[in-house]
Amino acid sequence: MVQPALLEKLEDHSEALQSEVLQYVELLLQSKRVASPIQSTESVEPKPLHGYGSWEGKMIMSDDFDEPMEEFKENM
């Protein structure tokens, strides 16, 4: 097991280093809890963030979008 080896190595070092190791272990445990929250028993389908048609109805183009602009008519 890892525990006896870990304890043996920690006993050989100062209390300050042992405290630092303890803080690091607590940080790892905390980040693991945040990274993997408790999953519910219900399966929830993720909503797609993008894809074909995802902007439908959110943008409006004018009817003369493809027509030449007035500012460029003299150059044509």
N, C-alpha and C. Protein backbone atom coordinates (compact mmCIF):
# COMPACT_ATOMS: atom_id res chain seq x y z
N MET A 1 0.83 -1.20 0.00
CA MET A 1 0.00 0.00 0.00
C MET A 1 0.87 1.25 0.00
N VAL A 2 0.29 2.32 -0.41
CA VAL A 2 1.01 3.58 -0.52
C VAL A 2 1.09 4.29 0.83
N GLN A 3 0.09 4.12 1.65
CA GLN A 3 0.03 4.86 2.93
C GLN A 3 1.25 4.65 3.81
N PRO A 4 1.69 3.42 4.07
CA PRO A 4 2.86 3.26 4.94
C PRO A 4 4.12 3.92 4.35
N ALA A 5 4.31 3.80 3.07
CA ALA A 5 5.48 4.41 2.43
C ALA A 5 5.40 5.93 2.52
N LEU A 6 4.22 6.47 2.34
CA LEU A 6 4.04 7.91 2.42
C LEU A 6 4.30 8.42 3.83
N LEU A 7 3.76 7.72 4.82
CA LEU A 7 3.98 8.12 6.22
C LEU A 7 5.45 8.00 6.59
N GLU A 8 6.11 6.97 6.14
CA GLU A 8 7.53 6.78 6.44
C GLU A 8 8.36 7.93 5.88
N LYS A 9 8.06 8.34 4.65
CA LYS A 9 8.81 9.44 4.05
C LYS A 9 8.52 10.76 4.76
N LEU A 10 7.28 10.96 5.20
CA LEU A 10 6.92 12.21 5.87
C LEU A 10 7.57 12.32 7.24
N GLU A 11 7.73 11.20 7.94
CA GLU A 11 8.32 11.21 9.28
C GLU A 11 9.76 11.72 9.26
N ASP A 12 10.45 11.55 8.15
CA ASP A 12 11.85 11.95 8.05
C ASP A 12 12.03 13.45 7.82
N HIS A 13 10.94 14.18 7.60
CA HIS A 13 11.04 15.60 7.26
C HIS A 13 10.47 16.48 8.36
N SER A 14 10.76 17.77 8.23
CA SER A 14 10.34 18.74 9.25
C SER A 14 8.82 18.89 9.28
N GLU A 15 8.36 19.46 10.39
CA GLU A 15 6.92 19.67 10.54
C GLU A 15 6.41 20.69 9.54
N ALA A 16 7.25 21.66 9.18
CA ALA A 16 6.86 22.66 8.18
C ALA A 16 6.59 21.99 6.83
N LEU A 17 7.45 21.07 6.43
CA LEU A 17 7.26 20.37 5.17
C LEU A 17 6.04 19.46 5.24
N GLN A 18 5.83 18.82 6.37
CA GLN A 18 4.66 17.96 6.54
C GLN A 18 3.38 18.79 6.41
N SER A 19 3.40 19.98 6.98
CA SER A 19 2.24 20.88 6.89
C SER A 19 1.99 21.29 5.44
N GLU A 20 3.06 21.56 4.72
CA GLU A 20 2.93 21.93 3.31
C GLU A 20 2.34 20.79 2.49
N VAL A 21 2.80 19.57 2.78
CA VAL A 21 2.26 18.40 2.08
C VAL A 21 0.78 18.24 2.39
N LEU A 22 0.40 18.44 3.63
CA LEU A 22 -1.01 18.34 4.03
C LEU A 22 -1.85 19.37 3.29
N GLN A 23 -1.37 20.60 3.18
CA GLN A 23 -2.11 21.63 2.45
C GLN A 23 -2.26 21.27 0.98
N TYR A 24 -1.22 20.69 0.41
CA TYR A 24 -1.28 20.28 -0.99
C TYR A 24 -2.30 19.17 -1.20
N VAL A 25 -2.32 18.21 -0.30
CA VAL A 25 -3.29 17.11 -0.39
C VAL A 25 -4.71 17.66 -0.28
N GLU A 26 -4.93 18.59 0.63
CA GLU A 26 -6.27 19.19 0.78
C GLU A 26 -6.67 19.95 -0.48
N LEU A 27 -5.70 20.64 -1.10
CA LEU A 27 -5.97 21.35 -2.35
C LEU A 27 -6.35 20.37 -3.45
N LEU A 28 -5.64 19.26 -3.54
CA LEU A 28 -5.97 18.24 -4.55
C LEU A 28 -7.37 17.68 -4.34
N LEU A 29 -7.71 17.40 -3.10
CA LEU A 29 -9.04 16.85 -2.80
C LEU A 29 -10.13 17.86 -3.13
N GLN A 30 -9.88 19.13 -2.81
CA GLN A 30 -10.86 20.17 -3.10
C GLN A 30 -11.05 20.34 -4.61
N SER A 31 -9.97 20.35 -5.36
CA SER A 31 -10.10 20.51 -6.81
C SER A 31 -10.79 19.30 -7.43
N LYS A 32 -10.60 18.13 -6.87
CA LYS A 32 -11.28 16.93 -7.38
C LYS A 32 -12.78 17.04 -7.13
N ARG A 33 -13.18 17.57 -5.98
CA ARG A 33 -14.60 17.73 -5.68
C ARG A 33 -15.24 18.73 -6.63
N VAL A 34 -14.53 19.79 -6.95
CA VAL A 34 -15.06 20.81 -7.85
C VAL A 34 -15.13 20.27 -9.27
N ALA A 35 -14.12 19.51 -9.68
CA ALA A 35 -14.06 18.99 -11.05
C ALA A 35 -15.10 17.92 -11.32
N SER A 36 -15.46 17.14 -10.31
CA SER A 36 -16.45 16.08 -10.53
C SER A 36 -17.56 16.19 -9.50
N PRO A 37 -18.54 17.06 -9.77
CA PRO A 37 -19.66 17.20 -8.82
C PRO A 37 -20.47 15.91 -8.76
N ILE A 38 -21.25 15.79 -7.73
CA ILE A 38 -22.09 14.60 -7.55
C ILE A 38 -23.08 14.53 -8.70
N GLN A 39 -23.12 13.38 -9.34
CA GLN A 39 -24.01 13.22 -10.48
C GLN A 39 -25.37 12.73 -9.99
N SER A 40 -26.41 13.31 -10.57
CA SER A 40 -27.75 12.89 -10.20
C SER A 40 -28.08 11.59 -10.92
N THR A 41 -29.15 10.96 -10.50
CA THR A 41 -29.54 9.70 -11.11
C THR A 41 -30.22 9.94 -12.46
N GLU A 42 -30.69 11.19 -12.71
CA GLU A 42 -31.33 11.50 -13.98
C GLU A 42 -30.26 11.77 -15.03
N SER A 43 -30.54 11.32 -16.23
CA SER A 43 -29.64 11.59 -17.34
C SER A 43 -30.15 12.83 -18.07
N VAL A 44 -29.31 13.85 -18.13
CA VAL A 44 -29.69 15.09 -18.79
C VAL A 44 -28.88 15.23 -20.06
N GLU A 45 -29.58 15.39 -21.18
CA GLU A 45 -28.92 15.55 -22.46
C GLU A 45 -28.34 16.96 -22.54
N PRO A 46 -27.06 17.09 -22.90
CA PRO A 46 -26.49 18.43 -23.02
C PRO A 46 -27.08 19.16 -24.22
N LYS A 47 -27.33 20.44 -24.05
CA LYS A 47 -27.88 21.25 -25.13
C LYS A 47 -26.75 21.63 -26.07
N PRO A 48 -26.91 21.40 -27.36
CA PRO A 48 -25.83 21.76 -28.29
C PRO A 48 -25.64 23.27 -28.31
N LEU A 49 -24.38 23.70 -28.29
CA LEU A 49 -24.07 25.12 -28.28
C LEU A 49 -24.04 25.72 -29.66
N HIS A 50 -23.81 24.91 -30.67
CA HIS A 50 -23.73 25.41 -32.03
C HIS A 50 -24.14 24.32 -32.99
N GLY A 51 -24.25 24.65 -34.22
CA GLY A 51 -24.63 23.68 -35.23
C GLY A 51 -25.48 24.36 -36.28
N TYR A 52 -25.89 23.61 -37.26
CA TYR A 52 -26.70 24.16 -38.33
C TYR A 52 -28.02 24.67 -37.77
N GLY A 53 -28.31 25.90 -38.11
CA GLY A 53 -29.59 26.48 -37.69
C GLY A 53 -29.60 27.06 -36.30
N SER A 54 -28.46 27.09 -35.63
CA SER A 54 -28.46 27.60 -34.25
C SER A 54 -28.68 29.11 -34.18
N TRP A 55 -28.41 29.83 -35.28
CA TRP A 55 -28.62 31.28 -35.31
C TRP A 55 -29.94 31.64 -36.01
N GLU A 56 -30.76 30.66 -36.29
CA GLU A 56 -32.01 30.92 -37.00
C GLU A 56 -32.89 31.88 -36.22
N GLY A 57 -33.33 32.93 -36.90
CA GLY A 57 -34.21 33.91 -36.28
C GLY A 57 -33.49 34.97 -35.45
N LYS A 58 -32.18 34.89 -35.36
CA LYS A 58 -31.44 35.85 -34.54
C LYS A 58 -30.79 36.95 -35.36
N MET A 59 -30.74 36.76 -36.68
CA MET A 59 -30.15 37.76 -37.56
C MET A 59 -31.13 38.08 -38.67
N ILE A 60 -31.16 39.34 -39.06
CA ILE A 60 -32.06 39.77 -40.13
C ILE A 60 -31.22 40.48 -41.18
N MET A 61 -31.36 40.07 -42.45
CA MET A 61 -30.67 40.73 -43.56
C MET A 61 -31.69 41.56 -44.33
N SER A 62 -31.25 42.68 -44.82
CA SER A 62 -32.14 43.51 -45.62
C SER A 62 -32.37 42.85 -46.98
N ASP A 63 -33.46 43.24 -47.63
CA ASP A 63 -33.82 42.65 -48.93
C ASP A 63 -32.80 43.01 -50.00
N ASP A 64 -32.16 44.17 -49.89
CA ASP A 64 -31.20 44.61 -50.90
C ASP A 64 -29.75 44.29 -50.50
N PHE A 65 -29.56 43.24 -49.75
CA PHE A 65 -28.22 42.89 -49.26
C PHE A 65 -27.23 42.66 -50.39
N ASP A 66 -27.66 42.00 -51.46
CA ASP A 66 -26.77 41.68 -52.58
C ASP A 66 -26.64 42.82 -53.60
N GLU A 67 -27.41 43.85 -53.46
CA GLU A 67 -27.35 44.99 -54.38
C GLU A 67 -26.08 45.80 -54.15
N PRO A 68 -25.55 46.44 -55.21
CA PRO A 68 -24.36 47.28 -55.04
C PRO A 68 -24.67 48.48 -54.13
N MET A 69 -23.71 48.87 -53.36
CA MET A 69 -23.88 50.01 -52.45
C MET A 69 -23.80 51.31 -53.24
N GLU A 70 -24.52 52.33 -52.78
CA GLU A 70 -24.54 53.62 -53.43
C GLU A 70 -23.13 54.22 -53.51
N GLU A 71 -22.32 54.02 -52.49
CA GLU A 71 -21.00 54.62 -52.45
C GLU A 71 -20.07 54.05 -53.53
N PHE A 72 -20.33 52.86 -54.01
CA PHE A 72 -19.45 52.24 -54.98
C PHE A 72 -19.99 52.27 -56.41
N LYS A 73 -21.19 52.82 -56.60
CA LYS A 73 -21.79 52.84 -57.95
C LYS A 73 -20.95 53.62 -58.95
N GLU A 74 -20.30 54.69 -58.53
CA GLU A 74 -19.50 55.49 -59.45
C GLU A 74 -18.24 54.75 -59.90
N ASN A 75 -17.79 53.76 -59.15
CA ASN A 75 -16.60 52.99 -59.52
C ASN A 75 -16.93 51.78 -60.39
N MET A 76 -18.18 51.52 -60.62
CA MET A 76 -18.57 50.34 -61.40
C MET A 76 -18.81 50.67 -62.84
